[in-house]
Amino acid sequence: MTLTMVGRLLDADRVQAAAERGIQLDPIGDLDTATIAAGSALFGVSFIMIVYSWCNHRYQPIRAKNLPQTTLLFVCGVLWFVGDIATNGHISMVGLWSKCRVWRLWIRLTFMFLFSCCVLVRVYALYWLFVRRQQFRGWKLFAPYIGAALCVLLFCAAGQIVSPSVTIKYDPSLELCMYSYVYRTCGLALQWAMWALVFVFMWLVRNIQPSFNEVRESLVIAMLTLLSLVQNTVMESIHSPVAAHKMGRNASTWIDFLDANLTIWVILGFPVYQSISNRKTYLMHWRAKLADDGFRREYNISANGEAGETTMYSLHTRPNSAERSKHSSVWLYQGMYENGLPHQDSALMPGQSTCRNKNRETLSTCAPTTRTRLSFSSINSA
């Protein structure tokens, strides 16, 4: 009872202090508690889905979804949600929760930015594999992560070093984090720049037809996160600070955690559902679709429907015959491509490939060239 009375007095003091400064402050209430509970429940469902996927990682349709990157998306989403809870004022910002720079910069902004970076890498990988027909490894793989890390590190370090009066500061009379207009605008500009890159690559890969629906999935994910970015921009523009307004802060947090969870469900939901309800039939259909689409060799599926070991988003060369002899992989030759398009041929002898002219007519059997294998996501026998 004493805690309740003290809480009411503190809320009244905060409301009065805010009114004196021309700010309408809504005290923390049941809606904030419901927001935290709903977000936690959805992340709990996503966690179960992630755990199930790892337990069934040998099931090819699940393994094709790049579980390490999807798990990284989940972790970033959880920490983004924790940052929202603190900086959007769903709890009393006292003690540890009053460290505005920690929660706003190093938790919320950092992991929201890394979440966006993971989406960018998905589209970026499709561009290199299906448009450029080049390896996606080495600097190509790590460049987006390194670039994003450097950008957010510089931005957060600047916010940590510069005076709080021009970046982020804690107001003890309101128990809220207050942000300067310039620094808030710079943060939004950084996020919009990231999403400009995402949509540039979405445009570049718009015509490819990979069998795992990555383009459509990436487009849905991009639109979800774009919605989150738009609402953040709008809320930051009309409410200052957002944490002072009950509807504004709750709407912002809801959209953020729905975005994070729906992204996981878009990637894993369908293959997880099929593995539970229709496991063998869907696997046969999945393998047949790869063959029908002409990607049997790219995804390392042999003519009888068996699969070997492959690696997600990688186009790599097996270096020597001794290592090749240990694998029963079906090899893809550069001669299988004409004008950047693969064609299906299930009757090639080892060391042979076919050539086609511009009219897509088979000309002859060609001499083997550099042996490469194009694949998505560590597909082992189910």
Protein backbone atom coordinates (compact mmCIF):
# COMPACT_ATOMS: atom_id res chain seq x y z
CA MET A 1 0.00 0.00 0.00
CA THR A 2 2.85 2.34 0.87
CA LEU A 3 4.51 1.66 -2.48
CA THR A 4 1.25 2.41 -4.27
CA MET A 5 0.77 5.71 -2.45
CA VAL A 6 4.37 6.72 -3.08
CA GLY A 7 3.97 5.81 -6.73
CA ARG A 8 0.88 8.01 -7.04
CA LEU A 9 2.63 10.94 -5.41
CA LEU A 10 5.60 10.57 -7.69
CA ASP A 11 3.31 10.37 -10.75
CA ALA A 12 1.51 13.53 -9.64
CA ASP A 13 4.83 15.34 -9.18
CA ARG A 14 6.03 14.26 -12.59
CA VAL A 15 2.81 15.35 -14.29
CA GLN A 16 2.98 18.74 -12.59
CA ALA A 17 6.66 19.23 -13.49
CA ALA A 18 5.92 18.32 -17.09
CA ALA A 19 2.92 20.67 -17.28
CA GLU A 20 5.11 23.55 -16.09
CA ARG A 21 7.36 22.91 -19.10
CA GLY A 22 4.50 22.57 -21.57
CA ILE A 23 4.70 18.76 -21.83
CA GLN A 24 1.69 16.49 -21.44
CA LEU A 25 2.91 13.48 -19.46
CA ASP A 26 0.86 10.32 -19.14
CA PRO A 27 1.85 8.18 -16.12
CA ILE A 28 2.80 4.54 -16.54
CA GLY A 29 -0.31 2.36 -16.46
CA ASP A 30 -1.88 -0.97 -17.30
CA LEU A 31 -1.46 -0.42 -21.03
CA ASP A 32 2.31 -0.26 -20.60
CA THR A 33 2.27 -3.49 -18.62
CA ALA A 34 0.14 -5.14 -21.31
CA THR A 35 2.59 -3.98 -24.00
CA ILE A 36 5.53 -5.55 -22.18
CA ALA A 37 3.58 -8.78 -21.62
CA ALA A 38 2.43 -9.02 -25.25
CA GLY A 39 5.93 -8.40 -26.61
CA SER A 40 7.44 -10.95 -24.25
CA ALA A 41 4.83 -13.55 -25.24
CA LEU A 42 5.48 -13.08 -28.96
CA PHE A 43 9.22 -13.33 -28.48
CA GLY A 44 8.58 -16.48 -26.46
CA VAL A 45 6.76 -17.99 -29.45
CA SER A 46 9.60 -16.93 -31.75
CA PHE A 47 12.13 -18.47 -29.36
CA ILE A 48 10.27 -21.79 -29.44
CA MET A 49 10.30 -21.64 -33.24
CA ILE A 50 14.04 -20.95 -33.28
CA VAL A 51 14.74 -23.82 -30.87
CA TYR A 52 12.54 -26.19 -32.90
CA SER A 53 14.35 -25.16 -36.07
CA TRP A 54 17.75 -25.90 -34.57
CA CYS A 55 16.51 -29.24 -33.25
CA ASN A 56 15.36 -30.05 -36.80
CA HIS A 57 18.17 -28.32 -38.65
CA ARG A 58 18.78 -31.40 -40.81
CA TYR A 59 15.34 -31.01 -42.35
CA GLN A 60 16.29 -29.41 -45.67
CA PRO A 61 13.53 -26.76 -46.04
CA ILE A 62 14.35 -25.45 -42.55
CA ARG A 63 18.09 -25.58 -43.01
CA ALA A 64 17.72 -23.62 -46.24
CA LYS A 65 16.62 -20.58 -44.23
CA ASN A 66 20.10 -19.81 -42.88
CA LEU A 67 19.51 -20.49 -39.18
CA PRO A 68 22.59 -18.60 -37.91
CA GLN A 69 21.48 -15.37 -39.56
CA THR A 70 17.83 -15.91 -38.55
CA THR A 71 18.95 -16.50 -34.95
CA LEU A 72 20.96 -13.27 -35.11
CA LEU A 73 17.80 -11.48 -36.28
CA PHE A 74 15.96 -12.89 -33.26
CA VAL A 75 18.65 -11.78 -30.79
CA CYS A 76 18.72 -8.29 -32.31
CA GLY A 77 14.93 -8.13 -32.11
CA VAL A 78 14.89 -9.10 -28.42
CA LEU A 79 17.50 -6.48 -27.48
CA TRP A 80 15.73 -3.89 -29.63
CA PHE A 81 12.57 -4.65 -27.61
CA VAL A 82 14.45 -4.29 -24.30
CA GLY A 83 15.74 -0.92 -25.49
CA ASP A 84 12.17 0.11 -26.37
CA ILE A 85 10.93 -0.81 -22.90
CA ALA A 86 13.52 1.48 -21.31
CA THR A 87 13.60 4.42 -23.69
CA ASN A 88 9.85 4.53 -24.43
CA GLY A 89 9.09 4.87 -20.74
CA HIS A 90 7.11 1.68 -20.09
CA ILE A 91 8.81 1.34 -16.70
CA SER A 92 9.97 3.83 -14.09
CA MET A 93 13.26 5.20 -15.37
CA VAL A 94 15.16 5.20 -12.11
CA GLY A 95 18.37 3.51 -11.07
CA LEU A 96 19.83 1.38 -13.85
CA TRP A 97 16.97 2.31 -16.20
CA SER A 98 17.97 5.98 -16.03
CA LYS A 99 21.15 5.35 -18.06
CA CYS A 100 19.72 6.95 -21.18
CA ARG A 101 22.80 6.67 -23.33
CA VAL A 102 23.19 2.97 -22.61
CA TRP A 103 19.59 2.08 -23.43
CA ARG A 104 18.98 4.52 -26.26
CA LEU A 105 22.32 4.31 -28.07
CA TRP A 106 24.09 1.07 -27.23
CA ILE A 107 21.00 -1.12 -26.92
CA ARG A 108 18.02 0.21 -28.88
CA LEU A 109 19.72 2.01 -31.75
CA THR A 110 22.57 -0.48 -32.12
CA PHE A 111 20.44 -3.59 -32.34
CA MET A 112 17.73 -1.96 -34.42
CA PHE A 113 20.47 -0.99 -36.86
CA LEU A 114 21.97 -4.50 -36.84
CA PHE A 115 18.51 -5.96 -37.39
CA SER A 116 18.22 -3.82 -40.52
CA CYS A 117 21.72 -4.89 -41.53
CA CYS A 118 20.68 -8.57 -41.44
CA VAL A 119 17.82 -7.81 -43.81
CA LEU A 120 20.25 -5.97 -46.09
CA VAL A 121 22.62 -8.96 -46.12
CA ARG A 122 19.81 -11.29 -47.25
CA VAL A 123 19.10 -9.13 -50.30
CA TYR A 124 22.79 -8.38 -50.87
CA ALA A 125 23.52 -12.12 -51.00
CA LEU A 126 20.81 -12.68 -53.60
CA TYR A 127 22.33 -9.92 -55.72
CA TRP A 128 25.81 -11.47 -55.77
CA LEU A 129 24.59 -15.03 -56.31
CA PHE A 130 21.79 -14.64 -58.81
CA VAL A 131 22.55 -11.34 -60.56
CA ARG A 132 26.34 -11.13 -60.53
CA ARG A 133 26.86 -14.94 -60.46
CA GLN A 134 29.84 -14.51 -58.17
CA GLN A 135 30.99 -15.92 -54.87
CA PHE A 136 29.34 -14.60 -51.73
CA ARG A 137 32.13 -15.09 -49.25
CA GLY A 138 35.11 -13.22 -47.84
CA TRP A 139 34.84 -9.44 -48.03
CA LYS A 140 31.45 -9.59 -49.77
CA LEU A 141 29.96 -11.44 -46.82
CA PHE A 142 31.49 -9.31 -44.07
CA ALA A 143 31.45 -5.88 -45.72
CA PRO A 144 27.80 -5.06 -44.82
CA TYR A 145 28.27 -6.08 -41.19
CA ILE A 146 31.55 -4.20 -40.86
CA GLY A 147 30.13 -1.11 -42.55
CA ALA A 148 27.03 -1.10 -40.35
CA ALA A 149 29.09 -1.71 -37.21
CA LEU A 150 31.41 1.20 -38.02
CA CYS A 151 28.52 3.58 -38.73
CA VAL A 152 26.64 2.78 -35.54
CA LEU A 153 29.87 2.73 -33.49
CA LEU A 154 30.83 6.21 -34.67
CA PHE A 155 27.33 7.53 -34.06
CA CYS A 156 27.05 6.04 -30.57
CA ALA A 157 30.59 7.06 -29.64
CA ALA A 158 29.81 10.64 -30.66
CA GLY A 159 26.69 10.55 -28.51
CA GLN A 160 28.72 9.23 -25.59
CA ILE A 161 31.52 11.79 -25.86
CA VAL A 162 29.62 14.97 -26.72
CA SER A 163 27.83 16.92 -24.00
CA PRO A 164 24.44 15.42 -23.01
CA SER A 165 22.79 18.79 -23.60
CA VAL A 166 23.26 18.38 -27.36
CA THR A 167 22.61 14.63 -27.55
CA ILE A 168 20.74 12.67 -24.86
CA LYS A 169 20.27 13.51 -21.20
CA TYR A 170 18.26 12.23 -18.27
CA ASP A 171 15.73 14.58 -16.69
CA PRO A 172 15.26 13.55 -13.03
CA SER A 173 12.20 15.76 -12.52
CA LEU A 174 10.34 13.91 -15.29
CA GLU A 175 12.21 10.59 -15.05
CA LEU A 176 12.52 10.60 -18.81
CA CYS A 177 15.26 10.66 -21.42
CA MET A 178 15.32 13.89 -23.40
CA TYR A 179 16.82 14.03 -26.89
CA SER A 180 18.12 17.03 -28.80
CA TYR A 181 16.47 17.71 -32.14
CA VAL A 182 19.72 17.57 -34.12
CA TYR A 183 20.91 14.26 -32.67
CA ARG A 184 17.48 12.65 -33.08
CA THR A 185 17.37 13.77 -36.71
CA CYS A 186 20.85 12.36 -37.37
CA GLY A 187 19.81 8.99 -35.93
CA LEU A 188 16.74 8.84 -38.17
CA ALA A 189 18.82 9.86 -41.20
CA LEU A 190 21.25 7.01 -40.50
CA GLN A 191 18.41 4.50 -40.42
CA TRP A 192 16.86 5.85 -43.61
CA ALA A 193 20.23 5.58 -45.36
CA MET A 194 20.39 1.89 -44.44
CA TRP A 195 16.92 1.28 -45.83
CA ALA A 196 17.70 3.18 -48.99
CA LEU A 197 20.40 0.57 -49.62
CA VAL A 198 17.96 -2.26 -48.90
CA PHE A 199 15.51 -1.01 -51.51
CA VAL A 200 18.25 -0.39 -54.06
CA PHE A 201 19.23 -4.06 -53.84
CA MET A 202 15.56 -5.12 -53.79
CA TRP A 203 15.20 -3.39 -57.15
CA LEU A 204 18.33 -5.06 -58.52
CA VAL A 205 17.11 -8.59 -57.62
CA ARG A 206 13.47 -8.03 -58.62
CA ASN A 207 13.64 -10.39 -61.64
CA ILE A 208 15.32 -13.45 -60.13
CA GLN A 209 13.34 -16.58 -59.32
CA PRO A 210 15.16 -18.62 -56.65
CA SER A 211 13.27 -21.66 -55.45
CA PHE A 212 13.20 -20.69 -51.77
CA ASN A 213 11.14 -17.49 -52.29
CA GLU A 214 13.86 -15.30 -50.77
CA VAL A 215 12.92 -12.31 -52.91
CA ARG A 216 9.28 -12.33 -51.81
CA GLU A 217 10.24 -12.99 -48.21
CA SER A 218 12.80 -10.18 -48.26
CA LEU A 219 10.24 -7.81 -49.77
CA VAL A 220 7.71 -8.59 -47.02
CA ILE A 221 10.38 -8.18 -44.34
CA ALA A 222 11.55 -4.92 -45.89
CA MET A 223 8.01 -3.53 -45.92
CA LEU A 224 7.48 -4.52 -42.28
CA THR A 225 10.65 -2.81 -41.13
CA LEU A 226 9.93 0.19 -43.34
CA LEU A 227 6.60 0.53 -41.51
CA SER A 228 8.49 0.51 -38.20
CA LEU A 229 10.90 3.17 -39.46
CA VAL A 230 8.08 5.38 -40.75
CA GLN A 231 6.21 5.21 -37.45
CA ASN A 232 9.41 6.00 -35.54
CA THR A 233 9.97 9.04 -37.74
CA VAL A 234 6.38 10.22 -37.33
CA MET A 235 6.29 9.65 -33.57
CA GLU A 236 9.60 11.42 -33.03
CA SER A 237 8.28 14.34 -35.07
CA ILE A 238 4.91 14.85 -33.40
CA HIS A 239 5.71 13.73 -29.83
CA SER A 240 8.75 15.04 -27.99
CA PRO A 241 9.54 13.02 -26.04
CA VAL A 242 7.60 9.97 -27.22
CA ALA A 243 7.88 8.37 -23.76
CA ALA A 244 5.66 11.09 -22.27
CA HIS A 245 2.61 10.12 -24.36
CA LYS A 246 0.80 6.89 -23.53
CA MET A 247 -0.59 6.09 -26.97
CA GLY A 248 2.55 7.20 -28.79
CA ARG A 249 4.98 5.10 -26.76
CA ASN A 250 2.78 2.01 -26.79
CA ALA A 251 2.09 2.23 -30.52
CA SER A 252 5.81 2.64 -31.20
CA THR A 253 6.78 -0.40 -29.13
CA TRP A 254 3.98 -2.55 -30.56
CA ILE A 255 4.99 -1.85 -34.15
CA ASP A 256 8.65 -2.53 -33.34
CA PHE A 257 8.14 -5.92 -31.68
CA LEU A 258 5.55 -6.99 -34.26
CA ASP A 259 8.08 -6.18 -36.97
CA ALA A 260 10.82 -8.20 -35.26
CA ASN A 261 8.62 -11.25 -34.64
CA LEU A 262 6.83 -11.26 -37.98
CA THR A 263 10.23 -11.19 -39.68
CA ILE A 264 11.18 -14.44 -37.92
CA TRP A 265 7.80 -15.98 -38.76
CA VAL A 266 8.01 -15.00 -42.43
CA ILE A 267 11.36 -16.77 -42.70
CA LEU A 268 10.72 -19.89 -40.61
CA GLY A 269 6.94 -20.16 -40.22
CA PHE A 270 6.04 -22.11 -43.35
CA PRO A 271 8.85 -24.71 -43.30
CA VAL A 272 8.38 -25.24 -39.54
CA TYR A 273 4.64 -25.76 -40.02
CA GLN A 274 5.23 -28.19 -42.88
CA SER A 275 7.84 -30.13 -40.90
CA ILE A 276 5.27 -30.64 -38.14
CA SER A 277 2.15 -31.37 -40.18
CA ASN A 278 3.33 -32.63 -43.56
CA ARG A 279 7.00 -33.50 -43.17
CA LYS A 280 7.74 -36.15 -45.80
CA THR A 281 5.27 -35.01 -48.47
CA TYR A 282 6.47 -31.41 -48.29
CA LEU A 283 10.11 -32.50 -48.46
CA MET A 284 9.40 -34.44 -51.66
CA HIS A 285 7.54 -31.46 -53.11
CA TRP A 286 10.37 -29.13 -52.05
CA ARG A 287 13.02 -31.28 -53.78
CA ALA A 288 10.87 -31.66 -56.89
CA LYS A 289 10.37 -27.91 -57.11
CA LEU A 290 14.13 -27.36 -57.11
CA ALA A 291 14.48 -29.77 -60.02
CA ASP A 292 11.53 -28.30 -61.92
CA ASP A 293 12.92 -24.78 -61.52
CA GLY A 294 16.23 -25.88 -63.02
CA PHE A 295 18.15 -25.36 -59.78
CA ARG A 296 18.84 -29.03 -58.98
CA ARG A 297 22.56 -28.68 -59.47
CA GLU A 298 22.73 -25.26 -57.80
CA TYR A 299 21.08 -26.64 -54.69
CA ASN A 300 22.98 -29.91 -54.91
CA ILE A 301 19.93 -32.13 -55.51
CA SER A 302 20.61 -35.20 -57.65
CA ALA A 303 18.21 -36.65 -60.20
CA ASN A 304 16.80 -39.20 -57.75
CA GLY A 305 15.94 -36.52 -55.18
CA GLU A 306 18.84 -37.12 -52.82
CA ALA A 307 20.74 -34.17 -51.39
CA GLY A 308 24.33 -33.69 -50.40
CA GLU A 309 25.98 -31.14 -48.17
CA THR A 310 25.75 -27.49 -49.16
CA THR A 311 26.41 -24.14 -47.56
CA MET A 312 24.04 -21.19 -47.24
CA TYR A 313 24.61 -18.27 -49.60
CA SER A 314 27.94 -19.57 -50.87
CA LEU A 315 29.40 -20.07 -54.30
CA HIS A 316 32.70 -21.80 -53.80
CA THR A 317 35.26 -24.00 -55.53
CA ARG A 318 36.40 -27.39 -54.23
CA PRO A 319 40.18 -27.09 -54.33
CA ASN A 320 41.46 -30.60 -55.06
CA SER A 321 40.42 -34.03 -56.29
CA ALA A 322 41.26 -35.71 -52.98
CA GLU A 323 38.72 -33.56 -51.18
CA ARG A 324 36.20 -33.98 -54.01
CA SER A 325 36.39 -37.75 -53.74
CA LYS A 326 35.09 -37.58 -50.18
CA HIS A 327 31.81 -36.00 -51.28
CA SER A 328 28.99 -37.29 -53.47
CA SER A 329 28.11 -33.79 -54.63
CA VAL A 330 26.79 -32.98 -58.06
CA TRP A 331 29.17 -30.45 -59.58
CA LEU A 332 28.09 -27.35 -61.42
CA TYR A 333 30.25 -26.10 -64.27
CA GLN A 334 30.50 -22.60 -65.52
CA GLY A 335 29.64 -23.98 -68.97
CA MET A 336 26.07 -24.51 -67.70
CA TYR A 337 25.52 -20.74 -67.84
CA GLU A 338 24.77 -18.68 -70.89
CA ASN A 339 23.95 -14.98 -70.50
CA GLY A 340 23.92 -15.46 -66.72
CA LEU A 341 21.05 -17.99 -66.73
CA PRO A 342 21.32 -21.60 -65.54
CA HIS A 343 19.72 -24.42 -67.48
CA GLN A 344 18.84 -27.91 -66.36
CA ASP A 345 20.69 -30.98 -67.66
CA SER A 346 20.46 -34.20 -65.70
CA ALA A 347 22.35 -36.43 -68.16
CA LEU A 348 25.86 -35.00 -68.09
CA MET A 349 28.82 -37.30 -67.61
CA PRO A 350 31.40 -36.35 -64.96
CA GLY A 351 33.66 -33.63 -66.32
CA GLN A 352 31.21 -32.48 -69.03
CA SER A 353 28.83 -29.59 -69.46
CA THR A 354 26.63 -28.27 -72.24
CA CYS A 355 26.68 -25.00 -74.12
CA ARG A 356 23.72 -23.09 -75.48
CA ASN A 357 23.48 -20.25 -77.91
CA LYS A 358 21.43 -17.09 -77.47
CA ASN A 359 18.33 -18.88 -78.74
CA ARG A 360 18.69 -21.39 -75.87
CA GLU A 361 19.48 -24.26 -78.30
CA THR A 362 21.89 -26.95 -77.16
CA LEU A 363 25.00 -26.81 -79.31
CA SER A 364 27.36 -29.48 -78.04
CA THR A 365 29.08 -31.01 -75.08
CA CYS A 366 31.75 -28.64 -73.87
CA ALA A 367 35.01 -29.19 -72.10
CA PRO A 368 34.82 -28.72 -68.35
CA THR A 369 35.77 -25.37 -66.93
CA THR A 370 36.17 -24.17 -63.36
CA ARG A 371 34.16 -26.37 -61.04
CA THR A 372 31.90 -24.44 -58.72
CA ARG A 373 28.87 -25.18 -56.63
CA LEU A 374 26.05 -22.76 -55.98
CA SER A 375 23.94 -23.38 -52.95
CA PHE A 376 21.75 -22.01 -50.21
CA SER A 377 21.92 -23.04 -46.62
CA SER A 378 23.72 -26.21 -45.49
CA ILE A 379 21.33 -28.76 -46.93
CA ASN A 380 22.12 -32.23 -45.58
CA SER A 381 20.12 -35.39 -45.86
CA ALA A 382 16.94 -35.08 -43.83
